[in-house]
Amino acid sequence: TTDYAFPAVVPSEIAGGQSSTRHLISHGHRRIATITGEPWMQAAQDRLKGYRRALATADIPFDGELVVEGDWSASAGYAATVKLLALKDRPTAIFCQNDRTAIGCYEALK
């Protein structure tokens, strides 16, 4: 919004995606998947930008197969994780772009 009448705290979505992915890279992961929000969501687009920047900085090639679109729900996180686990070359880590997605991911990994 352009209404600046109210104070607000707005996170840096790009930095968040980059930081989360860098953390996984720092633990030795190179095949890192991400479960996004819907493509029209600016926050999801920016978190994906951060993810891609972190991979590029670490000289890890981007693999579109490791990006699964979700809707930030637990059920989408579950379904996306099942899809990722079915890959022949499975990811070693999954960056879930929000908490509800992570809950679904966790349930699928049990």
PDB file of N, CA and C in Angstrom:
ATOM      1  N   THR A   1       0.831  -1.188   0.000  1.00  0.00           N
ATOM      2  CA  THR A   1       0.000   0.000   0.000  1.00  0.00           C
ATOM      3  C   THR A   1       0.874   1.250   0.000  1.00  0.00           C
ATOM      4  N   THR A   2       0.324   2.301  -0.497  1.00  0.00           N
ATOM      5  CA  THR A   2       1.049   3.575  -0.477  1.00  0.00           C
ATOM      6  C   THR A   2       0.574   4.453   0.667  1.00  0.00           C
ATOM      7  N   ASP A   3      -0.284   3.915   1.529  1.00  0.00           N
ATOM      8  CA  ASP A   3      -0.774   4.656   2.693  1.00  0.00           C
ATOM      9  C   ASP A   3       0.245   4.510   3.813  1.00  0.00           C
ATOM     10  N   TYR A   4       0.971   5.576   4.070  1.00  0.00           N
ATOM     11  CA  TYR A   4       2.022   5.539   5.084  1.00  0.00           C
ATOM     12  C   TYR A   4       1.552   6.131   6.405  1.00  0.00           C
ATOM     13  N   ALA A   5       0.251   6.134   6.659  1.00  0.00           N
ATOM     14  CA  ALA A   5      -0.290   6.714   7.881  1.00  0.00           C
ATOM     15  C   ALA A   5      -0.043   5.827   9.097  1.00  0.00           C
ATOM     16  N   PHE A   6       0.248   4.556   8.853  1.00  0.00           N
ATOM     17  CA  PHE A   6       0.439   3.628   9.959  1.00  0.00           C
ATOM     18  C   PHE A   6       1.834   3.023   9.896  1.00  0.00           C
ATOM     19  N   PRO A   7       2.504   2.928  11.048  1.00  0.00           N
ATOM     20  CA  PRO A   7       3.825   2.290  11.046  1.00  0.00           C
ATOM     21  C   PRO A   7       3.682   0.793  10.758  1.00  0.00           C
ATOM     22  N   ALA A   8       4.690   0.242  10.117  1.00  0.00           N
ATOM     23  CA  ALA A   8       4.662  -1.180   9.791  1.00  0.00           C
ATOM     24  C   ALA A   8       6.081  -1.729   9.770  1.00  0.00           C
ATOM     25  N   VAL A   9       6.173  -2.999  10.077  1.00  0.00           N
ATOM     26  CA  VAL A   9       7.437  -3.713   9.953  1.00  0.00           C
ATOM     27  C   VAL A   9       7.258  -4.693   8.803  1.00  0.00           C
ATOM     28  N   VAL A  10       8.077  -4.555   7.783  1.00  0.00           N
ATOM     29  CA  VAL A  10       7.965  -5.395   6.596  1.00  0.00           C
ATOM     30  C   VAL A  10       9.289  -6.131   6.414  1.00  0.00           C
ATOM     31  N   PRO A  11       9.246  -7.469   6.375  1.00  0.00           N
ATOM     32  CA  PRO A  11      10.498  -8.220   6.238  1.00  0.00           C
ATOM     33  C   PRO A  11      11.076  -8.106   4.835  1.00  0.00           C
ATOM     34  N   SER A  12      12.358  -8.333   4.725  1.00  0.00           N
ATOM     35  CA  SER A  12      12.996  -8.432   3.412  1.00  0.00           C
ATOM     36  C   SER A  12      12.855  -9.877   2.959  1.00  0.00           C
ATOM     37  N   GLU A  13      11.920 -10.103   2.073  1.00  0.00           N
ATOM     38  CA  GLU A  13      11.634 -11.466   1.614  1.00  0.00           C
ATOM     39  C   GLU A  13      12.821 -12.066   0.857  1.00  0.00           C
ATOM     40  N   ILE A  14      13.493 -11.247   0.048  1.00  0.00           N
ATOM     41  CA  ILE A  14      14.658 -11.743  -0.698  1.00  0.00           C
ATOM     42  C   ILE A  14      15.751 -12.172   0.281  1.00  0.00           C
ATOM     43  N   ALA A  15      16.033 -11.319   1.261  1.00  0.00           N
ATOM     44  CA  ALA A  15      17.069 -11.649   2.254  1.00  0.00           C
ATOM     45  C   ALA A  15      16.686 -12.894   3.043  1.00  0.00           C
ATOM     46  N   GLY A  16      15.412 -13.054   3.349  1.00  0.00           N
ATOM     47  CA  GLY A  16      14.965 -14.241   4.078  1.00  0.00           C
ATOM     48  C   GLY A  16      15.190 -15.517   3.286  1.00  0.00           C
ATOM     49  N   GLY A  17      14.844 -15.485   2.002  1.00  0.00           N
ATOM     50  CA  GLY A  17      15.066 -16.654   1.148  1.00  0.00           C
ATOM     51  C   GLY A  17      16.538 -16.966   0.982  1.00  0.00           C
ATOM     52  N   GLN A  18      17.322 -15.904   0.866  1.00  0.00           N
ATOM     53  CA  GLN A  18      18.769 -16.071   0.701  1.00  0.00           C
ATOM     54  C   GLN A  18      19.395 -16.622   1.981  1.00  0.00           C
ATOM     55  N   SER A  19      19.021 -16.069   3.105  1.00  0.00           N
ATOM     56  CA  SER A  19      19.585 -16.495   4.388  1.00  0.00           C
ATOM     57  C   SER A  19      19.229 -17.951   4.697  1.00  0.00           C
ATOM     58  N   SER A  20      17.984 -18.322   4.461  1.00  0.00           N
ATOM     59  CA  SER A  20      17.556 -19.701   4.726  1.00  0.00           C
ATOM     60  C   SER A  20      18.324 -20.689   3.856  1.00  0.00           C
ATOM     61  N   THR A  21      18.485 -20.348   2.598  1.00  0.00           N
ATOM     62  CA  THR A  21      19.202 -21.233   1.676  1.00  0.00           C
ATOM     63  C   THR A  21      20.687 -21.289   2.010  1.00  0.00           C
ATOM     64  N   ARG A  22      21.268 -20.144   2.351  1.00  0.00           N
ATOM     65  CA  ARG A  22      22.687 -20.128   2.748  1.00  0.00           C
ATOM     66  C   ARG A  22      22.916 -21.001   3.978  1.00  0.00           C
ATOM     67  N   HIS A  23      21.972 -20.992   4.904  1.00  0.00           N
ATOM     68  CA  HIS A  23      22.099 -21.828   6.106  1.00  0.00           C
ATOM     69  C   HIS A  23      22.189 -23.307   5.711  1.00  0.00           C
ATOM     70  N   LEU A  24      21.333 -23.726   4.804  1.00  0.00           N
ATOM     71  CA  LEU A  24      21.371 -25.123   4.358  1.00  0.00           C
ATOM     72  C   LEU A  24      22.675 -25.434   3.624  1.00  0.00           C
ATOM     73  N   ILE A  25      23.141 -24.494   2.826  1.00  0.00           N
ATOM     74  CA  ILE A  25      24.420 -24.665   2.120  1.00  0.00           C
ATOM     75  C   ILE A  25      25.563 -24.787   3.123  1.00  0.00           C
ATOM     76  N   SER A  26      25.511 -23.991   4.185  1.00  0.00           N
ATOM     77  CA  SER A  26      26.582 -24.023   5.197  1.00  0.00           C
ATOM     78  C   SER A  26      26.658 -25.367   5.914  1.00  0.00           C
ATOM     79  N   HIS A  27      25.585 -26.141   5.849  1.00  0.00           N
ATOM     80  CA  HIS A  27      25.574 -27.475   6.452  1.00  0.00           C
ATOM     81  C   HIS A  27      25.863 -28.562   5.422  1.00  0.00           C
ATOM     82  N   GLY A  28      26.387 -28.151   4.270  1.00  0.00           N
ATOM     83  CA  GLY A  28      26.845 -29.114   3.277  1.00  0.00           C
ATOM     84  C   GLY A  28      25.837 -29.507   2.215  1.00  0.00           C
ATOM     85  N   HIS A  29      24.640 -28.958   2.264  1.00  0.00           N
ATOM     86  CA  HIS A  29      23.630 -29.318   1.268  1.00  0.00           C
ATOM     87  C   HIS A  29      23.907 -28.615  -0.050  1.00  0.00           C
ATOM     88  N   ARG A  30      23.733 -29.359  -1.140  1.00  0.00           N
ATOM     89  CA  ARG A  30      23.899 -28.775  -2.475  1.00  0.00           C
ATOM     90  C   ARG A  30      22.673 -29.054  -3.340  1.00  0.00           C
ATOM     91  N   ARG A  31      21.897 -30.011  -2.963  1.00  0.00           N
ATOM     92  CA  ARG A  31      20.657 -30.314  -3.697  1.00  0.00           C
ATOM     93  C   ARG A  31      19.494 -29.881  -2.802  1.00  0.00           C
ATOM     94  N   ILE A  32      19.190 -28.598  -2.889  1.00  0.00           N
ATOM     95  CA  ILE A  32      18.217 -27.972  -1.991  1.00  0.00           C
ATOM     96  C   ILE A  32      16.942 -27.660  -2.766  1.00  0.00           C
ATOM     97  N   ALA A  33      15.841 -28.198  -2.289  1.00  0.00           N
ATOM     98  CA  ALA A  33      14.536 -27.920  -2.890  1.00  0.00           C
ATOM     99  C   ALA A  33      13.888 -26.753  -2.159  1.00  0.00           C
ATOM    100  N   THR A  34      12.878 -26.173  -2.788  1.00  0.00           N
ATOM    101  CA  THR A  34      12.064 -25.173  -2.107  1.00  0.00           C
ATOM    102  C   THR A  34      10.610 -25.384  -2.473  1.00  0.00           C
ATOM    103  N   ILE A  35       9.747 -25.171  -1.496  1.00  0.00           N
ATOM    104  CA  ILE A  35       8.303 -25.209  -1.706  1.00  0.00           C
ATOM    105  C   ILE A  35       7.821 -23.773  -1.559  1.00  0.00           C
ATOM    106  N   THR A  36       7.293 -23.231  -2.649  1.00  0.00           N
ATOM    107  CA  THR A  36       6.952 -21.813  -2.710  1.00  0.00           C
ATOM    108  C   THR A  36       5.491 -21.564  -2.356  1.00  0.00           C
ATOM    109  N   GLY A  37       5.147 -20.291  -2.361  1.00  0.00           N
ATOM    110  CA  GLY A  37       3.748 -19.888  -2.334  1.00  0.00           C
ATOM    111  C   GLY A  37       3.265 -19.790  -3.771  1.00  0.00           C
ATOM    112  N   GLU A  38       2.063 -19.300  -3.950  1.00  0.00           N
ATOM    113  CA  GLU A  38       1.514 -19.156  -5.297  1.00  0.00           C
ATOM    114  C   GLU A  38       2.288 -18.086  -6.066  1.00  0.00           C
ATOM    115  N   PRO A  39       2.431 -18.263  -7.385  1.00  0.00           N
ATOM    116  CA  PRO A  39       3.298 -17.362  -8.155  1.00  0.00           C
ATOM    117  C   PRO A  39       2.855 -15.901  -8.166  1.00  0.00           C
ATOM    118  N   TRP A  40       1.599 -15.616  -7.907  1.00  0.00           N
ATOM    119  CA  TRP A  40       1.145 -14.223  -7.890  1.00  0.00           C
ATOM    120  C   TRP A  40       1.527 -13.509  -6.592  1.00  0.00           C
ATOM    121  N   MET A  41       1.965 -14.256  -5.589  1.00  0.00           N
ATOM    122  CA  MET A  41       2.334 -13.664  -4.297  1.00  0.00           C
ATOM    123  C   MET A  41       3.716 -13.020  -4.397  1.00  0.00           C
ATOM    124  N   GLN A  42       3.794 -11.741  -4.146  1.00  0.00           N
ATOM    125  CA  GLN A  42       5.076 -11.041  -4.220  1.00  0.00           C
ATOM    126  C   GLN A  42       6.082 -11.631  -3.239  1.00  0.00           C
ATOM    127  N   ALA A  43       5.621 -11.977  -2.036  1.00  0.00           N
ATOM    128  CA  ALA A  43       6.531 -12.553  -1.040  1.00  0.00           C
ATOM    129  C   ALA A  43       7.121 -13.870  -1.545  1.00  0.00           C
ATOM    130  N   ALA A  44       6.305 -14.694  -2.191  1.00  0.00           N
ATOM    131  CA  ALA A  44       6.799 -15.969  -2.725  1.00  0.00           C
ATOM    132  C   ALA A  44       7.813 -15.735  -3.841  1.00  0.00           C
ATOM    133  N   GLN A  45       7.532 -14.763  -4.703  1.00  0.00           N
ATOM    134  CA  GLN A  45       8.468 -14.432  -5.782  1.00  0.00           C
ATOM    135  C   GLN A  45       9.808 -13.974  -5.209  1.00  0.00           C
ATOM    136  N   ASP A  46       9.740 -13.126  -4.183  1.00  0.00           N
ATOM    137  CA  ASP A  46      10.970 -12.589  -3.603  1.00  0.00           C
ATOM    138  C   ASP A  46      11.753 -13.651  -2.832  1.00  0.00           C
ATOM    139  N   ARG A  47      11.072 -14.531  -2.122  1.00  0.00           N
ATOM    140  CA  ARG A  47      11.776 -15.603  -1.411  1.00  0.00           C
ATOM    141  C   ARG A  47      12.465 -16.533  -2.405  1.00  0.00           C
ATOM    142  N   LEU A  48      11.813 -16.763  -3.548  1.00  0.00           N
ATOM    143  CA  LEU A  48      12.430 -17.578  -4.594  1.00  0.00           C
ATOM    144  C   LEU A  48      13.656 -16.871  -5.173  1.00  0.00           C
ATOM    145  N   LYS A  49      13.584 -15.561  -5.337  1.00  0.00           N
ATOM    146  CA  LYS A  49      14.755 -14.794  -5.796  1.00  0.00           C
ATOM    147  C   LYS A  49      15.920 -14.972  -4.827  1.00  0.00           C
ATOM    148  N   GLY A  50      15.636 -14.894  -3.528  1.00  0.00           N
ATOM    149  CA  GLY A  50      16.682 -15.077  -2.526  1.00  0.00           C
ATOM    150  C   GLY A  50      17.283 -16.470  -2.574  1.00  0.00           C
ATOM    151  N   TYR A  51      16.436 -17.473  -2.733  1.00  0.00           N
ATOM    152  CA  TYR A  51      16.878 -18.867  -2.877  1.00  0.00           C
ATOM    153  C   TYR A  51      17.830 -18.990  -4.067  1.00  0.00           C
ATOM    154  N   ARG A  52      17.413 -18.422  -5.206  1.00  0.00           N
ATOM    155  CA  ARG A  52      18.236 -18.515  -6.415  1.00  0.00           C
ATOM    156  C   ARG A  52      19.552 -17.759  -6.263  1.00  0.00           C
ATOM    157  N   ARG A  53      19.524 -16.623  -5.596  1.00  0.00           N
ATOM    158  CA  ARG A  53      20.761 -15.854  -5.375  1.00  0.00           C
ATOM    159  C   ARG A  53      21.742 -16.637  -4.516  1.00  0.00           C
ATOM    160  N   ALA A  54      21.231 -17.271  -3.463  1.00  0.00           N
ATOM    161  CA  ALA A  54      22.117 -18.049  -2.588  1.00  0.00           C
ATOM    162  C   ALA A  54      22.747 -19.203  -3.350  1.00  0.00           C
ATOM    163  N   LEU A  55      21.963 -19.885  -4.174  1.00  0.00           N
ATOM    164  CA  LEU A  55      22.516 -20.974  -4.983  1.00  0.00           C
ATOM    165  C   LEU A  55      23.598 -20.446  -5.918  1.00  0.00           C
ATOM    166  N   ALA A  56      23.306 -19.348  -6.597  1.00  0.00           N
ATOM    167  CA  ALA A  56      24.264 -18.779  -7.553  1.00  0.00           C
ATOM    168  C   ALA A  56      25.552 -18.352  -6.863  1.00  0.00           C
ATOM    169  N   THR A  57      25.427 -17.737  -5.701  1.00  0.00           N
ATOM    170  CA  THR A  57      26.604 -17.293  -4.949  1.00  0.00           C
ATOM    171  C   THR A  57      27.488 -18.472  -4.562  1.00  0.00           C
ATOM    172  N   ALA A  58      26.862 -19.626  -4.305  1.00  0.00           N
ATOM    173  CA  ALA A  58      27.605 -20.828  -3.914  1.00  0.00           C
ATOM    174  C   ALA A  58      27.986 -21.691  -5.122  1.00  0.00           C
ATOM    175  N   ASP A  59      27.769 -21.172  -6.330  1.00  0.00           N
ATOM    176  CA  ASP A  59      28.061 -21.918  -7.563  1.00  0.00           C
ATOM    177  C   ASP A  59      27.308 -23.241  -7.639  1.00  0.00           C
ATOM    178  N   ILE A  60      26.078 -23.236  -7.142  1.00  0.00           N
ATOM    179  CA  ILE A  60      25.208 -24.405  -7.242  1.00  0.00           C
ATOM    180  C   ILE A  60      24.218 -24.123  -8.372  1.00  0.00           C
ATOM    181  N   PRO A  61      24.200 -24.960  -9.400  1.00  0.00           N
ATOM    182  CA  PRO A  61      23.287 -24.700 -10.517  1.00  0.00           C
ATOM    183  C   PRO A  61      21.824 -24.790 -10.085  1.00  0.00           C
ATOM    184  N   PHE A  62      21.013 -23.896 -10.612  1.00  0.00           N
ATOM    185  CA  PHE A  62      19.575 -23.913 -10.347  1.00  0.00           C
ATOM    186  C   PHE A  62      18.951 -25.096 -11.068  1.00  0.00           C
ATOM    187  N   ASP A  63      18.094 -25.829 -10.382  1.00  0.00           N
ATOM    188  CA  ASP A  63      17.388 -26.972 -10.956  1.00  0.00           C
ATOM    189  C   ASP A  63      15.894 -26.752 -10.720  1.00  0.00           C
ATOM    190  N   GLY A  64      15.174 -26.415 -11.775  1.00  0.00           N
ATOM    191  CA  GLY A  64      13.744 -26.142 -11.657  1.00  0.00           C
ATOM    192  C   GLY A  64      12.939 -27.307 -11.118  1.00  0.00           C
ATOM    193  N   GLU A  65      13.467 -28.518 -11.242  1.00  0.00           N
ATOM    194  CA  GLU A  65      12.795 -29.708 -10.717  1.00  0.00           C
ATOM    195  C   GLU A  65      12.674 -29.648  -9.188  1.00  0.00           C
ATOM    196  N   LEU A  66      13.556 -28.875  -8.562  1.00  0.00           N
ATOM    197  CA  LEU A  66      13.570 -28.776  -7.102  1.00  0.00           C
ATOM    198  C   LEU A  66      12.697 -27.636  -6.571  1.00  0.00           C
ATOM    199  N   VAL A  67      11.980 -26.965  -7.451  1.00  0.00           N
ATOM    200  CA  VAL A  67      11.068 -25.896  -7.042  1.00  0.00           C
ATOM    201  C   VAL A  67       9.644 -26.397  -7.249  1.00  0.00           C
ATOM    202  N   VAL A  68       8.904 -26.499  -6.153  1.00  0.00           N
ATOM    203  CA  VAL A  68       7.525 -26.970  -6.229  1.00  0.00           C
ATOM    204  C   VAL A  68       6.612 -25.856  -5.733  1.00  0.00           C
ATOM    205  N   GLU A  69       5.654 -25.510  -6.558  1.00  0.00           N
ATOM    206  CA  GLU A  69       4.701 -24.464  -6.200  1.00  0.00           C
ATOM    207  C   GLU A  69       3.691 -24.993  -5.190  1.00  0.00           C
ATOM    208  N   GLY A  70       3.447 -24.193  -4.168  1.00  0.00           N
ATOM    209  CA  GLY A  70       2.436 -24.520  -3.178  1.00  0.00           C
ATOM    210  C   GLY A  70       1.525 -23.326  -2.971  1.00  0.00           C
ATOM    211  N   ASP A  71       0.816 -23.331  -1.853  1.00  0.00           N
ATOM    212  CA  ASP A  71      -0.043 -22.190  -1.527  1.00  0.00           C
ATOM    213  C   ASP A  71       0.106 -21.791  -0.058  1.00  0.00           C
ATOM    214  N   TRP A  72       1.202 -22.192   0.518  1.00  0.00           N
ATOM    215  CA  TRP A  72       1.550 -21.905   1.901  1.00  0.00           C
ATOM    216  C   TRP A  72       0.615 -22.579   2.904  1.00  0.00           C
ATOM    217  N   SER A  73       0.039 -23.695   2.505  1.00  0.00           N
ATOM    218  CA  SER A  73      -0.796 -24.465   3.428  1.00  0.00           C
ATOM    219  C   SER A  73      -0.051 -25.745   3.809  1.00  0.00           C
ATOM    220  N   ALA A  74      -0.471 -26.361   4.906  1.00  0.00           N
ATOM    221  CA  ALA A  74       0.142 -27.620   5.331  1.00  0.00           C
ATOM    222  C   ALA A  74      -0.104 -28.714   4.293  1.00  0.00           C
ATOM    223  N   SER A  75      -1.299 -28.742   3.718  1.00  0.00           N
ATOM    224  CA  SER A  75      -1.598 -29.783   2.728  1.00  0.00           C
ATOM    225  C   SER A  75      -0.732 -29.630   1.479  1.00  0.00           C
ATOM    226  N   ALA A  76      -0.465 -28.401   1.073  1.00  0.00           N
ATOM    227  CA  ALA A  76       0.419 -28.175  -0.077  1.00  0.00           C
ATOM    228  C   ALA A  76       1.850 -28.572   0.262  1.00  0.00           C
ATOM    229  N   GLY A  77       2.275 -28.307   1.491  1.00  0.00           N
ATOM    230  CA  GLY A  77       3.608 -28.709   1.924  1.00  0.00           C
ATOM    231  C   GLY A  77       3.765 -30.218   1.916  1.00  0.00           C
ATOM    232  N   TYR A  78       2.722 -30.905   2.350  1.00  0.00           N
ATOM    233  CA  TYR A  78       2.733 -32.366   2.358  1.00  0.00           C
ATOM    234  C   TYR A  78       2.838 -32.899   0.927  1.00  0.00           C
ATOM    235  N   ALA A  79       1.950 -32.416   0.048  1.00  0.00           N
ATOM    236  CA  ALA A  79       1.921 -32.892  -1.339  1.00  0.00           C
ATOM    237  C   ALA A  79       3.230 -32.583  -2.067  1.00  0.00           C
ATOM    238  N   ALA A  80       3.773 -31.406  -1.846  1.00  0.00           N
ATOM    239  CA  ALA A  80       5.030 -31.026  -2.504  1.00  0.00           C
ATOM    240  C   ALA A  80       6.180 -31.905  -2.031  1.00  0.00           C
ATOM    241  N   THR A  81       6.201 -32.220  -0.749  1.00  0.00           N
ATOM    242  CA  THR A  81       7.265 -33.066  -0.206  1.00  0.00           C
ATOM    243  C   THR A  81       7.181 -34.476  -0.779  1.00  0.00           C
ATOM    244  N   VAL A  82       5.975 -35.012  -0.878  1.00  0.00           N
ATOM    245  CA  VAL A  82       5.794 -36.333  -1.488  1.00  0.00           C
ATOM    246  C   VAL A  82       6.322 -36.316  -2.925  1.00  0.00           C
ATOM    247  N   LYS A  83       6.034 -35.244  -3.657  1.00  0.00           N
ATOM    248  CA  LYS A  83       6.521 -35.104  -5.037  1.00  0.00           C
ATOM    249  C   LYS A  83       8.048 -35.065  -5.072  1.00  0.00           C
ATOM    250  N   LEU A  84       8.653 -34.307  -4.165  1.00  0.00           N
ATOM    251  CA  LEU A  84      10.115 -34.203  -4.124  1.00  0.00           C
ATOM    252  C   LEU A  84      10.764 -35.534  -3.749  1.00  0.00           C
ATOM    253  N   LEU A  85      10.141 -36.269  -2.843  1.00  0.00           N
ATOM    254  CA  LEU A  85      10.694 -37.559  -2.424  1.00  0.00           C
ATOM    255  C   LEU A  85      10.597 -38.614  -3.524  1.00  0.00           C
ATOM    256  N   ALA A  86       9.718 -38.391  -4.492  1.00  0.00           N
ATOM    257  CA  ALA A  86       9.560 -39.335  -5.601  1.00  0.00           C
ATOM    258  C   ALA A  86      10.605 -39.124  -6.701  1.00  0.00           C
ATOM    259  N   LEU A  87      11.365 -38.037  -6.617  1.00  0.00           N
ATOM    260  CA  LEU A  87      12.391 -37.774  -7.623  1.00  0.00           C
ATOM    261  C   LEU A  87      13.482 -38.840  -7.566  1.00  0.00           C
ATOM    262  N   LYS A  88      14.032 -39.159  -8.715  1.00  0.00           N
ATOM    263  CA  LYS A  88      15.134 -40.128  -8.754  1.00  0.00           C
ATOM    264  C   LYS A  88      16.326 -39.598  -7.963  1.00  0.00           C
ATOM    265  N   ASP A  89      16.645 -38.328  -8.168  1.00  0.00           N
ATOM    266  CA  ASP A  89      17.735 -37.672  -7.438  1.00  0.00           C
ATOM    267  C   ASP A  89      17.091 -36.727  -6.423  1.00  0.00           C
ATOM    268  N   ARG A  90      16.812 -37.258  -5.247  1.00  0.00           N
ATOM    269  CA  ARG A  90      16.066 -36.514  -4.236  1.00  0.00           C
ATOM    270  C   ARG A  90      16.886 -35.378  -3.633  1.00  0.00           C
ATOM    271  N   PRO A  91      16.195 -34.343  -3.139  1.00  0.00           N
ATOM    272  CA  PRO A  91      16.908 -33.260  -2.457  1.00  0.00           C
ATOM    273  C   PRO A  91      17.457 -33.741  -1.122  1.00  0.00           C
ATOM    274  N   THR A  92      18.513 -33.088  -0.671  1.00  0.00           N
ATOM    275  CA  THR A  92      19.057 -33.393   0.657  1.00  0.00           C
ATOM    276  C   THR A  92      18.503 -32.436   1.702  1.00  0.00           C
ATOM    277  N   ALA A  93      17.853 -31.369   1.249  1.00  0.00           N
ATOM    278  CA  ALA A  93      17.234 -30.397   2.154  1.00  0.00           C
ATOM    279  C   ALA A  93      16.072 -29.738   1.427  1.00  0.00           C
ATOM    280  N   ILE A  94      15.093 -29.282   2.200  1.00  0.00           N
ATOM    281  CA  ILE A  94      13.939 -28.584   1.637  1.00  0.00           C
ATOM    282  C   ILE A  94      13.749 -27.273   2.387  1.00  0.00           C
ATOM    283  N   PHE A  95      13.754 -26.175   1.653  1.00  0.00           N
ATOM    284  CA  PHE A  95      13.469 -24.852   2.201  1.00  0.00           C
ATOM    285  C   PHE A  95      11.979 -24.597   2.005  1.00  0.00           C
ATOM    286  N   CYS A  96      11.232 -24.659   3.093  1.00  0.00           N
ATOM    287  CA  CYS A  96       9.800 -24.352   3.064  1.00  0.00           C
ATOM    288  C   CYS A  96       9.643 -22.855   3.291  1.00  0.00           C
ATOM    289  N   GLN A  97       8.851 -22.219   2.443  1.00  0.00           N
ATOM    290  CA  GLN A  97       8.790 -20.771   2.483  1.00  0.00           C
ATOM    291  C   GLN A  97       7.856 -20.197   3.547  1.00  0.00           C
ATOM    292  N   ASN A  98       7.184 -21.048   4.318  1.00  0.00           N
ATOM    293  CA  ASN A  98       6.465 -20.553   5.491  1.00  0.00           C
ATOM    294  C   ASN A  98       6.219 -21.696   6.473  1.00  0.00           C
ATOM    295  N   ASP A  99       5.738 -21.350   7.646  1.00  0.00           N
ATOM    296  CA  ASP A  99       5.580 -22.330   8.726  1.00  0.00           C
ATOM    297  C   ASP A  99       4.551 -23.410   8.408  1.00  0.00           C
ATOM    298  N   ARG A 100       3.416 -23.029   7.848  1.00  0.00           N
ATOM    299  CA  ARG A 100       2.382 -24.034   7.545  1.00  0.00           C
ATOM    300  C   ARG A 100       2.891 -25.041   6.517  1.00  0.00           C
ATOM    301  N   THR A 101       3.605 -24.565   5.519  1.00  0.00           N
ATOM    302  CA  THR A 101       4.197 -25.472   4.534  1.00  0.00           C
ATOM    303  C   THR A 101       5.172 -26.424   5.222  1.00  0.00           C
ATOM    304  N   ALA A 102       5.949 -25.905   6.149  1.00  0.00           N
ATOM    305  CA  ALA A 102       6.922 -26.732   6.875  1.00  0.00           C
ATOM    306  C   ALA A 102       6.226 -27.811   7.697  1.00  0.00           C
ATOM    307  N   ILE A 103       5.071 -27.501   8.264  1.00  0.00           N
ATOM    308  CA  ILE A 103       4.325 -28.508   9.031  1.00  0.00           C
ATOM    309  C   ILE A 103       3.926 -29.664   8.118  1.00  0.00           C
ATOM    310  N   GLY A 104       3.428 -29.349   6.931  1.00  0.00           N
ATOM    311  CA  GLY A 104       3.064 -30.398   5.978  1.00  0.00           C
ATOM    312  C   GLY A 104       4.269 -31.192   5.514  1.00  0.00           C
ATOM    313  N   CYS A 105       5.368 -30.509   5.288  1.00  0.00           N
ATOM    314  CA  CYS A 105       6.617 -31.162   4.889  1.00  0.00           C
ATOM    315  C   CYS A 105       7.060 -32.139   5.976  1.00  0.00           C
ATOM    316  N   TYR A 106       7.039 -31.683   7.209  1.00  0.00           N
ATOM    317  CA  TYR A 106       7.441 -32.515   8.344  1.00  0.00           C
ATOM    318  C   TYR A 106       6.573 -33.778   8.420  1.00  0.00           C
ATOM    319  N   GLU A 107       5.277 -33.607   8.243  1.00  0.00           N
ATOM    320  CA  GLU A 107       4.369 -34.759   8.304  1.00  0.00           C
ATOM    321  C   GLU A 107       4.689 -35.770   7.199  1.00  0.00           C
ATOM    322  N   ALA A 108       5.021 -35.291   6.015  1.00  0.00           N
ATOM    323  CA  ALA A 108       5.355 -36.190   4.906  1.00  0.00           C
ATOM    324  C   ALA A 108       6.679 -36.913   5.143  1.00  0.00           C
ATOM    325  N   LEU A 109       7.581 -36.276   5.867  1.00  0.00           N
ATOM    326  CA  LEU A 109       8.894 -36.871   6.118  1.00  0.00           C
ATOM    327  C   LEU A 109       8.894 -37.877   7.266  1.00  0.00           C
ATOM    328  N   LYS A 110       7.849 -37.907   8.062  1.00  0.00           N
ATOM    329  CA  LYS A 110       7.799 -38.825   9.211  1.00  0.00           C
ATOM    330  C   LYS A 110       7.906 -40.270   8.779  1.00  0.00           C
TER     331      LYS A 110
END
